N, C-alpha and C. Protein backbone atom coordinates (compact mmCIF):
# COMPACT_ATOMS: atom_id res chain seq x y z
N UNK A 1 8.59 -21.84 -26.82
CA UNK A 1 9.64 -21.39 -27.65
C UNK A 1 10.54 -22.06 -28.18
N UNK A 2 11.00 -22.88 -26.90
CA UNK A 2 12.53 -24.00 -27.04
C UNK A 2 11.73 -25.18 -27.89
N UNK A 3 10.78 -25.26 -27.87
CA UNK A 3 10.26 -26.53 -28.46
C UNK A 3 10.01 -26.38 -30.57
N UNK A 4 9.57 -25.18 -30.40
CA UNK A 4 9.42 -24.99 -31.71
C UNK A 4 10.66 -24.78 -32.63
N UNK A 5 11.42 -24.02 -31.80
CA UNK A 5 13.11 -23.51 -32.45
C UNK A 5 13.70 -25.39 -32.52
N UNK A 6 13.27 -26.01 -31.82
CA UNK A 6 14.12 -27.05 -31.78
C UNK A 6 13.77 -28.12 -32.93
N UNK A 7 12.39 -27.93 -32.92
CA UNK A 7 11.27 -28.39 -34.11
C UNK A 7 12.08 -27.99 -35.57
N UNK A 8 11.82 -26.80 -35.81
CA UNK A 8 12.47 -25.80 -36.92
C UNK A 8 13.73 -26.34 -37.07
N UNK A 9 14.81 -26.16 -36.50
CA UNK A 9 16.40 -26.52 -36.40
C UNK A 9 16.42 -28.39 -37.30
N UNK A 10 15.64 -29.04 -36.51
CA UNK A 10 15.75 -30.37 -36.85
C UNK A 10 15.15 -30.73 -37.97
N UNK A 11 14.20 -30.03 -38.36
CA UNK A 11 13.61 -30.55 -39.61
C UNK A 11 14.27 -29.90 -40.77
N UNK A 12 14.92 -28.80 -40.64
CA UNK A 12 15.92 -28.32 -41.96
C UNK A 12 17.14 -29.28 -42.01
N UNK A 13 17.60 -29.90 -40.97
CA UNK A 13 18.52 -30.48 -41.54
C UNK A 13 17.97 -32.25 -41.71
N UNK A 14 16.91 -32.32 -41.83
CA UNK A 14 16.28 -33.77 -42.43
C UNK A 14 16.25 -34.02 -44.07
N UNK A 15 16.71 -35.08 -44.81
CA UNK A 15 16.45 -35.07 -45.99
C UNK A 15 15.37 -34.70 -46.80
N UNK A 16 14.53 -35.49 -46.27
CA UNK A 16 13.02 -35.21 -46.41
C UNK A 16 11.92 -34.63 -45.64
N UNK A 17 12.27 -33.08 -45.89
CA UNK A 17 11.28 -32.33 -44.47
C UNK A 17 9.83 -32.30 -44.75
N UNK A 18 9.39 -32.76 -45.90
CA UNK A 18 7.75 -33.28 -45.57
C UNK A 18 7.74 -34.75 -45.23
N UNK A 19 8.54 -35.49 -44.84
CA UNK A 19 8.05 -36.45 -43.72
C UNK A 19 7.82 -36.27 -42.32
N UNK A 20 6.53 -36.89 -42.27
CA UNK A 20 6.02 -36.62 -40.62
C UNK A 20 6.94 -37.36 -39.73
N UNK A 21 6.61 -36.71 -38.67
CA UNK A 21 7.59 -37.14 -37.28
C UNK A 21 6.65 -38.55 -36.76
N UNK A 22 7.31 -39.79 -36.01
CA UNK A 22 6.44 -40.59 -35.46
C UNK A 22 6.47 -40.28 -34.35
N UNK A 23 5.67 -40.71 -33.32
CA UNK A 23 5.50 -40.41 -31.81
C UNK A 23 6.59 -39.94 -31.18
N UNK A 24 7.22 -40.90 -31.38
CA UNK A 24 9.03 -41.11 -30.17
C UNK A 24 9.75 -39.88 -30.87
N UNK A 25 9.68 -39.46 -31.80
CA UNK A 25 10.30 -38.18 -32.54
C UNK A 25 9.99 -36.85 -31.81
N UNK A 26 8.66 -37.10 -31.71
CA UNK A 26 7.92 -35.64 -31.69
C UNK A 26 8.29 -35.42 -29.74
N UNK A 27 8.22 -36.70 -29.21
CA UNK A 27 8.08 -36.55 -27.90
C UNK A 27 9.70 -36.23 -27.23
N UNK A 28 10.69 -36.64 -28.42
CA UNK A 28 12.16 -36.13 -28.10
C UNK A 28 12.48 -35.38 -28.06
N UNK A 29 11.81 -34.17 -29.20
CA UNK A 29 12.13 -32.64 -29.46
C UNK A 29 11.27 -32.16 -28.28
N UNK A 30 10.43 -32.52 -27.08
CA UNK A 30 10.30 -31.71 -25.99
C UNK A 30 11.37 -31.37 -24.75
N UNK A 31 10.96 -30.32 -24.42
CA UNK A 31 12.39 -29.95 -23.20
C UNK A 31 12.39 -31.10 -22.52
N UNK A 32 13.56 -31.46 -21.79
CA UNK A 32 13.86 -32.26 -20.86
C UNK A 32 13.48 -31.89 -19.36
N UNK A 33 12.78 -32.46 -18.74
CA UNK A 33 11.70 -32.14 -17.30
C UNK A 33 13.09 -31.84 -16.72
N UNK A 34 13.82 -32.44 -16.42
CA UNK A 34 15.16 -32.16 -15.54
C UNK A 34 14.95 -33.06 -14.15
N UNK A 35 15.92 -32.76 -13.46
CA UNK A 35 16.28 -33.49 -12.28
C UNK A 35 15.14 -32.84 -11.31
N UNK A 36 15.14 -31.83 -11.21
CA UNK A 36 14.47 -31.14 -10.45
C UNK A 36 12.97 -30.30 -11.07
N UNK A 37 12.76 -31.60 -11.76
CA UNK A 37 11.07 -30.67 -12.24
C UNK A 37 10.09 -30.35 -11.18
N UNK A 38 10.10 -31.19 -10.41
CA UNK A 38 9.01 -30.98 -9.22
C UNK A 38 9.27 -29.95 -8.14
N UNK A 39 10.68 -29.31 -8.22
CA UNK A 39 11.02 -28.53 -7.22
C UNK A 39 9.93 -27.51 -7.18
N UNK A 40 10.01 -26.67 -8.21
CA UNK A 40 9.38 -25.82 -8.45
C UNK A 40 8.03 -25.61 -8.22
N UNK A 41 7.30 -26.80 -8.21
CA UNK A 41 5.85 -27.04 -7.97
C UNK A 41 5.76 -27.06 -6.51
N UNK A 42 6.51 -27.76 -6.25
CA UNK A 42 6.53 -28.01 -4.46
C UNK A 42 6.49 -26.80 -3.82
N UNK A 43 7.52 -25.85 -4.48
CA UNK A 43 8.20 -24.47 -4.06
C UNK A 43 6.75 -23.56 -3.76
N UNK A 44 5.75 -23.56 -4.84
CA UNK A 44 5.02 -22.83 -4.91
C UNK A 44 4.06 -23.13 -4.09
N UNK A 45 3.65 -24.53 -4.29
CA UNK A 45 2.77 -24.70 -3.18
C UNK A 45 2.95 -24.60 -1.71
N UNK A 46 4.09 -24.52 -1.58
CA UNK A 46 4.68 -24.40 0.13
C UNK A 46 4.39 -22.74 0.25
N UNK A 47 5.03 -21.73 -0.70
CA UNK A 47 4.60 -20.60 -0.55
C UNK A 47 3.39 -20.33 -0.58
N UNK A 48 2.56 -20.68 -1.41
CA UNK A 48 0.97 -20.40 -0.98
C UNK A 48 0.66 -21.05 0.25
N UNK A 49 0.87 -22.19 0.69
CA UNK A 49 0.37 -22.63 2.07
C UNK A 49 0.87 -21.69 3.21
N UNK A 50 2.02 -21.40 3.12
CA UNK A 50 2.55 -20.08 4.17
C UNK A 50 1.83 -18.98 4.03
N UNK A 51 1.52 -18.23 3.40
CA UNK A 51 0.73 -17.31 2.99
C UNK A 51 -0.51 -17.31 3.35
N UNK A 52 -1.10 -18.59 3.16
CA UNK A 52 -2.67 -18.42 3.67
C UNK A 52 -2.90 -18.57 4.97
N UNK A 53 -1.75 -19.73 5.58
CA UNK A 53 -1.76 -19.85 7.16
C UNK A 53 -1.48 -18.86 7.69
N UNK A 54 -0.28 -18.24 7.34
CA UNK A 54 0.02 -17.06 8.51
C UNK A 54 -0.75 -15.91 8.12
N UNK A 55 -1.30 -15.66 7.41
CA UNK A 55 -2.04 -14.34 7.01
C UNK A 55 -3.54 -14.43 7.23
N UNK A 56 -4.22 -15.59 7.34
CA UNK A 56 -5.78 -15.82 7.46
C UNK A 56 -6.19 -14.89 8.23
N UNK A 57 -5.90 -14.53 9.45
CA UNK A 57 -6.47 -13.88 10.26
C UNK A 57 -6.60 -12.04 9.51
N UNK A 58 -5.78 -11.73 9.14
CA UNK A 58 -5.66 -10.50 8.67
C UNK A 58 -6.47 -10.25 7.20
N UNK A 59 -6.68 -11.84 6.49
CA UNK A 59 -7.30 -11.73 5.24
C UNK A 59 -7.72 -13.11 4.91
N UNK A 60 -9.32 -12.98 5.38
CA UNK A 60 -9.95 -14.40 5.63
C UNK A 60 -10.78 -14.93 4.14
N UNK A 61 -10.17 -14.23 3.43
CA UNK A 61 -10.80 -14.57 1.95
C UNK A 61 -9.41 -15.18 1.04
N UNK A 62 -8.24 -15.18 1.97
CA UNK A 62 -7.05 -16.00 1.15
C UNK A 62 -7.18 -17.36 0.67
N UNK A 63 -8.02 -17.86 1.45
CA UNK A 63 -8.18 -19.24 1.17
C UNK A 63 -9.22 -19.77 0.07
N UNK A 64 -9.89 -18.97 -0.23
CA UNK A 64 -10.95 -18.64 -1.19
C UNK A 64 -9.89 -18.55 -2.80
N UNK A 65 -9.34 -17.65 -2.53
CA UNK A 65 -8.23 -17.14 -3.43
C UNK A 65 -7.19 -18.33 -4.18
N UNK A 66 -6.89 -18.63 -2.79
CA UNK A 66 -5.86 -19.90 -3.18
C UNK A 66 -6.78 -21.07 -3.74
N UNK A 67 -7.59 -21.57 -3.56
CA UNK A 67 -8.42 -22.39 -4.14
C UNK A 67 -9.06 -22.27 -5.22
N UNK A 68 -8.79 -21.29 -5.98
CA UNK A 68 -9.22 -20.78 -6.89
C UNK A 68 -8.02 -20.32 -7.92
N UNK A 69 -6.75 -20.25 -7.60
CA UNK A 69 -5.63 -20.19 -7.84
C UNK A 69 -5.36 -21.56 -8.31
N UNK A 70 -5.59 -22.50 -7.39
CA UNK A 70 -4.83 -24.07 -7.63
C UNK A 70 -6.04 -24.74 -8.66
N UNK A 71 -7.12 -24.15 -8.47
CA UNK A 71 -7.99 -25.06 -9.68
C UNK A 71 -7.33 -24.45 -11.53
N UNK A 72 -7.03 -23.39 -11.67
CA UNK A 72 -6.27 -22.68 -12.73
C UNK A 72 -4.54 -23.70 -12.73
N UNK A 73 -4.19 -23.41 -11.82
CA UNK A 73 -2.58 -23.94 -11.71
C UNK A 73 -2.66 -25.58 -12.10
N UNK A 74 -3.47 -26.48 -11.75
CA UNK A 74 -3.64 -27.87 -12.22
C UNK A 74 -3.84 -27.36 -13.60
N UNK A 75 -4.67 -26.86 -14.09
CA UNK A 75 -4.91 -27.28 -15.52
C UNK A 75 -3.71 -26.80 -16.10
N UNK A 76 -2.73 -25.39 -16.09
CA UNK A 76 -1.82 -25.02 -16.30
C UNK A 76 -0.75 -26.47 -16.51
N UNK A 77 -0.50 -26.62 -15.23
CA UNK A 77 0.37 -27.52 -15.09
C UNK A 77 0.75 -28.74 -15.92
N UNK A 78 -1.00 -29.32 -16.06
CA UNK A 78 -1.35 -30.47 -16.90
C UNK A 78 -0.78 -30.21 -17.84
N UNK A 79 -1.36 -29.30 -18.77
CA UNK A 79 -1.08 -28.69 -20.12
C UNK A 79 0.49 -28.67 -20.40
N UNK A 80 1.20 -27.94 -19.39
CA UNK A 80 2.68 -28.02 -19.52
C UNK A 80 3.15 -28.90 -19.50
N UNK A 81 2.88 -30.32 -18.53
CA UNK A 81 3.49 -31.49 -18.57
C UNK A 81 3.29 -32.40 -19.76
N UNK A 82 2.15 -32.39 -20.51
CA UNK A 82 1.53 -32.80 -21.58
C UNK A 82 2.15 -32.52 -23.00
N UNK A 83 1.98 -31.54 -23.04
CA UNK A 83 2.50 -30.66 -24.32
C UNK A 83 3.90 -30.31 -24.54
N UNK A 84 4.71 -29.71 -23.22
CA UNK A 84 5.64 -28.81 -23.48
C UNK A 84 7.00 -29.53 -22.98
N UNK A 85 6.71 -30.58 -22.16
CA UNK A 85 7.94 -31.37 -21.54
C UNK A 85 7.81 -32.63 -21.75
N UNK A 86 9.19 -33.36 -21.76
CA UNK A 86 8.91 -35.09 -21.69
C UNK A 86 8.75 -35.07 -20.37
N UNK A 87 8.21 -36.86 -20.86
CA UNK A 87 7.80 -37.60 -19.00
C UNK A 87 9.08 -37.23 -18.43
N UNK A 88 8.82 -37.28 -16.89
CA UNK A 88 10.19 -37.44 -16.03
C UNK A 88 10.37 -38.87 -15.81
N UNK A 89 11.22 -39.00 -15.27
CA UNK A 89 11.82 -40.25 -14.90
C UNK A 89 11.06 -40.71 -13.51
N UNK A 90 10.41 -41.85 -13.32
CA UNK A 90 9.67 -41.89 -12.32
C UNK A 90 10.74 -42.54 -10.81
N UNK A 91 10.65 -42.09 -9.77
CA UNK A 91 11.61 -42.44 -8.95
C UNK A 91 10.81 -42.90 -7.64
N UNK A 92 10.99 -43.86 -7.07
CA UNK A 92 10.47 -44.21 -5.91
C UNK A 92 10.58 -43.68 -4.46
N UNK A 93 9.87 -42.92 -3.88
CA UNK A 93 10.47 -42.21 -2.60
C UNK A 93 9.38 -42.87 -1.77
N UNK A 94 9.89 -42.54 -0.26
CA UNK A 94 9.23 -42.79 0.62
C UNK A 94 8.09 -41.90 1.27
N UNK A 95 8.53 -40.37 1.05
CA UNK A 95 7.66 -39.37 1.48
C UNK A 95 7.82 -37.92 0.82
N UNK A 96 7.72 -37.16 1.20
CA UNK A 96 7.95 -35.52 0.84
C UNK A 96 9.40 -35.39 0.98
N UNK A 97 9.72 -35.93 1.64
CA UNK A 97 11.38 -35.29 2.08
C UNK A 97 11.36 -34.19 3.15
N UNK A 98 12.18 -33.19 2.78
CA UNK A 98 12.22 -32.19 3.60
C UNK A 98 11.05 -30.95 3.37
N UNK A 99 10.58 -31.28 2.62
CA UNK A 99 9.12 -30.52 2.56
C UNK A 99 8.13 -30.45 3.48
N UNK A 100 8.26 -31.94 4.42
CA UNK A 100 7.23 -32.02 5.23
C UNK A 100 8.09 -31.35 6.53
N UNK A 101 8.99 -31.21 6.76
CA UNK A 101 9.65 -30.36 8.12
C UNK A 101 9.18 -29.32 7.80
N UNK A 102 9.52 -28.62 6.29
CA UNK A 102 9.25 -26.84 6.43
C UNK A 102 7.61 -26.58 6.47
N UNK A 103 6.88 -27.72 5.93
CA UNK A 103 5.05 -27.04 6.66
C UNK A 103 4.99 -27.53 7.73
N UNK A 104 5.62 -28.40 8.26
CA UNK A 104 5.41 -28.30 9.68
C UNK A 104 5.90 -27.10 10.79
N UNK A 105 6.87 -26.61 9.96
CA UNK A 105 7.41 -25.16 10.77
C UNK A 105 6.36 -24.26 10.57
N UNK A 106 6.01 -24.15 9.49
CA UNK A 106 5.40 -23.28 8.94
C UNK A 106 4.16 -23.11 9.40
N UNK A 107 3.24 -24.37 9.79
CA UNK A 107 2.14 -24.74 10.41
C UNK A 107 2.50 -23.93 11.84
N UNK A 108 3.70 -24.44 13.03
CA UNK A 108 3.61 -23.75 14.21
C UNK A 108 3.66 -22.21 14.30
N UNK A 109 4.50 -22.03 12.87
CA UNK A 109 4.59 -20.69 12.85
C UNK A 109 3.19 -19.68 12.78
N UNK A 110 2.44 -20.49 11.90
CA UNK A 110 1.10 -19.60 11.87
C UNK A 110 0.28 -20.21 13.07
N UNK A 111 -0.02 -20.75 13.63
CA UNK A 111 -0.72 -21.30 15.03
C UNK A 111 -0.30 -19.96 15.82
N UNK A 112 0.98 -19.90 16.15
CA UNK A 112 1.70 -18.68 16.87
C UNK A 112 1.05 -17.56 16.45
N UNK A 113 1.04 -16.78 15.17
CA UNK A 113 0.78 -15.80 14.49
C UNK A 113 -0.32 -15.55 14.74
N UNK A 114 -1.15 -16.54 14.30
CA UNK A 114 -2.86 -15.96 14.34
C UNK A 114 -3.23 -15.90 15.57
N UNK A 115 -2.91 -16.67 16.71
CA UNK A 115 -3.22 -16.52 17.92
C UNK A 115 -2.67 -15.47 18.36
N UNK A 116 -1.76 -14.78 18.39
CA UNK A 116 -1.18 -13.43 18.71
C UNK A 116 -2.24 -12.27 17.89
N UNK A 117 -2.57 -12.49 16.82
CA UNK A 117 -3.34 -11.56 15.82
C UNK A 117 -4.74 -11.57 16.65
N UNK A 118 -5.33 -12.63 16.87
CA UNK A 118 -6.60 -12.68 17.75
C UNK A 118 -6.62 -12.12 18.92
N UNK A 119 -5.37 -12.33 19.28
CA UNK A 119 -5.38 -11.94 21.45
C UNK A 119 -5.27 -10.67 21.36
N UNK A 120 -4.42 -9.43 20.10
CA UNK A 120 -3.66 -8.61 20.44
C UNK A 120 -4.92 -7.65 19.61
N UNK A 121 -6.06 -7.57 18.89
CA UNK A 121 -6.96 -7.12 17.77
C UNK A 121 -7.54 -6.65 18.73
N UNK A 122 -8.26 -5.27 18.42
CA UNK A 122 -8.69 -4.19 19.08
C UNK A 122 -10.39 -4.47 19.72
N UNK A 123 -10.81 -5.73 18.59
CA UNK A 123 -12.15 -6.56 18.96
C UNK A 123 -11.91 -7.05 20.14
N UNK A 124 -10.76 -7.65 20.70
CA UNK A 124 -10.58 -8.46 21.33
C UNK A 124 -9.94 -8.00 22.61
N UNK A 125 -9.71 -6.64 22.61
CA UNK A 125 -8.73 -6.00 24.01
C UNK A 125 -10.24 -5.83 24.80
N UNK A 126 -11.00 -5.48 24.53
CA UNK A 126 -12.32 -4.97 25.74
C UNK A 126 -12.88 -6.40 26.45
N UNK A 127 -12.69 -7.22 25.75
CA UNK A 127 -13.19 -8.86 26.41
C UNK A 127 -12.12 -9.18 27.24
N UNK A 128 -10.83 -9.17 27.01
CA UNK A 128 -9.58 -9.67 28.09
C UNK A 128 -9.18 -8.80 28.63
N UNK A 129 -9.20 -7.57 28.71
CA UNK A 129 -8.99 -6.41 29.87
C UNK A 129 -9.86 -6.14 30.76
N UNK A 130 -9.77 -5.89 31.48
CA UNK A 130 -10.54 -5.24 32.50
C UNK A 130 -10.90 -3.67 32.29
N UNK A 131 -11.88 -3.37 32.12
CA UNK A 131 -12.04 -1.92 31.77
C UNK A 131 -11.65 -0.99 33.12
N UNK A 132 -11.00 -0.16 33.08
CA UNK A 132 -10.97 0.92 34.43
C UNK A 132 -11.89 2.01 34.85
N UNK A 133 -12.02 1.93 35.91
CA UNK A 133 -13.18 2.75 36.30
C UNK A 133 -12.85 4.45 36.15
N UNK A 134 -13.86 4.67 36.04
CA UNK A 134 -13.85 6.57 35.67
C UNK A 134 -13.13 7.32 36.61
N UNK A 135 -13.01 6.82 38.00
CA UNK A 135 -12.18 7.24 38.92
C UNK A 135 -10.52 7.05 38.73
N UNK A 136 -10.24 5.97 38.45
CA UNK A 136 -8.82 5.65 38.19
C UNK A 136 -8.32 6.29 36.93
N UNK A 137 -9.25 6.41 35.66
CA UNK A 137 -8.93 7.42 34.80
C UNK A 137 -8.66 8.51 35.14
N UNK A 138 -9.65 9.11 35.73
CA UNK A 138 -9.59 10.52 36.07
C UNK A 138 -7.99 10.81 36.89
N UNK A 139 -7.81 9.74 38.17
CA UNK A 139 -6.87 10.14 38.74
C UNK A 139 -5.44 9.89 38.01
N UNK A 140 -5.83 8.81 37.33
CA UNK A 140 -4.19 8.67 36.02
C UNK A 140 -3.94 9.99 35.02
N UNK A 141 -4.88 10.86 35.00
CA UNK A 141 -4.44 12.23 34.40
C UNK A 141 -4.00 13.66 35.11
N UNK A 142 -2.83 13.88 34.54
CA UNK A 142 -2.67 15.14 35.75
C UNK A 142 -3.92 16.45 35.49
N UNK A 143 -3.87 17.13 37.05
CA UNK A 143 -4.94 17.90 36.98
C UNK A 143 -4.82 19.09 36.08
N UNK A 144 -3.39 19.73 35.71
CA UNK A 144 -3.22 20.97 34.73
C UNK A 144 -3.31 20.41 33.17
N UNK A 145 -3.88 19.03 32.88
CA UNK A 145 -4.29 18.88 31.34
C UNK A 145 -5.44 19.74 31.11
N UNK A 146 -5.58 20.19 29.95
CA UNK A 146 -6.75 20.77 29.47
C UNK A 146 -7.97 19.93 29.37
N UNK A 147 -8.96 20.92 29.34
CA UNK A 147 -9.94 19.93 29.58
C UNK A 147 -10.66 18.92 28.81
N UNK A 148 -10.32 19.22 27.36
CA UNK A 148 -10.55 18.56 25.96
C UNK A 148 -9.82 17.11 26.28
N UNK A 149 -8.47 16.97 27.08
CA UNK A 149 -8.08 15.77 27.36
C UNK A 149 -7.95 14.99 28.31
N UNK A 150 -8.90 15.73 29.22
CA UNK A 150 -9.36 14.98 30.76
C UNK A 150 -10.53 14.13 30.22
N UNK A 151 -10.91 13.07 31.54
CA UNK A 151 -12.18 12.45 31.21
C UNK A 151 -13.18 13.40 31.28
N UNK A 152 -13.99 13.76 30.26
CA UNK A 152 -15.18 14.30 30.21
C UNK A 152 -16.33 13.63 30.80
N UNK A 153 -16.41 12.31 30.75
CA UNK A 153 -17.42 11.71 31.27
C UNK A 153 -17.74 12.00 32.89
N UNK A 154 -17.01 11.93 33.54
CA UNK A 154 -17.28 12.61 34.92
C UNK A 154 -17.99 14.09 34.97
N UNK A 155 -17.24 14.85 33.94
CA UNK A 155 -17.90 16.11 34.19
C UNK A 155 -19.28 16.14 34.19
N UNK A 156 -19.89 15.53 32.66
CA UNK A 156 -21.00 15.02 32.10
C UNK A 156 -22.41 14.54 33.12
N UNK A 157 -21.36 13.41 34.31
CA UNK A 157 -22.13 13.16 35.10
C UNK A 157 -22.44 14.34 36.44
N UNK A 158 -21.85 14.80 36.69
CA UNK A 158 -21.54 16.04 37.79
C UNK A 158 -22.56 16.67 37.60
N UNK A 159 -22.25 17.03 36.23
CA UNK A 159 -23.95 18.42 35.41
C UNK A 159 -25.05 17.91 35.35
N UNK A 160 -25.24 16.70 35.30
CA UNK A 160 -26.27 16.15 35.33
C UNK A 160 -26.73 15.87 36.47
N UNK A 161 -26.07 15.58 37.58
CA UNK A 161 -27.25 15.29 38.92
C UNK A 161 -26.95 16.76 39.47
N UNK A 162 -26.34 17.83 39.07
CA UNK A 162 -26.88 19.59 39.32
C UNK A 162 -28.08 19.68 38.72
N UNK A 163 -28.22 19.70 37.50
CA UNK A 163 -29.19 20.11 36.69
C UNK A 163 -30.51 19.62 36.87
N UNK A 164 -31.56 20.52 36.42
CA UNK A 164 -32.77 20.04 36.64
C UNK A 164 -33.45 18.98 36.01
N UNK A 165 -33.00 19.68 34.31
CA UNK A 165 -33.38 18.39 33.08
C UNK A 165 -32.52 17.27 33.49
N UNK A 166 -33.52 16.40 32.89
CA UNK A 166 -32.90 14.58 33.09
C UNK A 166 -32.47 14.30 31.93
N UNK A 167 -31.15 14.34 31.61
CA UNK A 167 -30.28 14.65 30.17
C UNK A 167 -29.33 12.99 30.54
N UNK A 168 -29.39 11.92 29.67
CA UNK A 168 -28.41 10.77 29.83
C UNK A 168 -26.92 11.25 29.47
N UNK A 169 -26.47 10.19 30.54
CA UNK A 169 -25.05 10.11 31.10
C UNK A 169 -24.37 9.48 30.29
N UNK A 170 -22.55 9.46 30.26
CA UNK A 170 -22.12 8.58 29.56
C UNK A 170 -22.10 6.83 30.42
């Protein structure tokens, strides 16, 4: 919208409005990229990396959706940089600067987060904790509790042992 408005106001101020623009005049009317042109692009990628790595244990399809998003994002960013904004000024830099430390911190947090999620999940609870025997479970509950809250497995075993029928037990 900004580019269209600049072109319209500039054309109305020309002596000959039917004259075609030269290539550099068309490029000059595009939006200025600004000093922090790539800051928002880096920020978007770091946020996406953080969400994918921190929550991959909770949602394993996140990397797939991130890949599909990045494919579309590349095309949209290319269109935006080629047709909507001026070419940014090139600067020589040694690395990505402060973003490296941020990515490293997010990576360490993701390792801790996913390790905790994996070790505390219900599927892993039976593999990492020693199961309690029925006697310990029975002693852990007070005798005055209703039968529905007691460990009924022992009662079923006692009934099966005293009965003449051969029923499966717990």
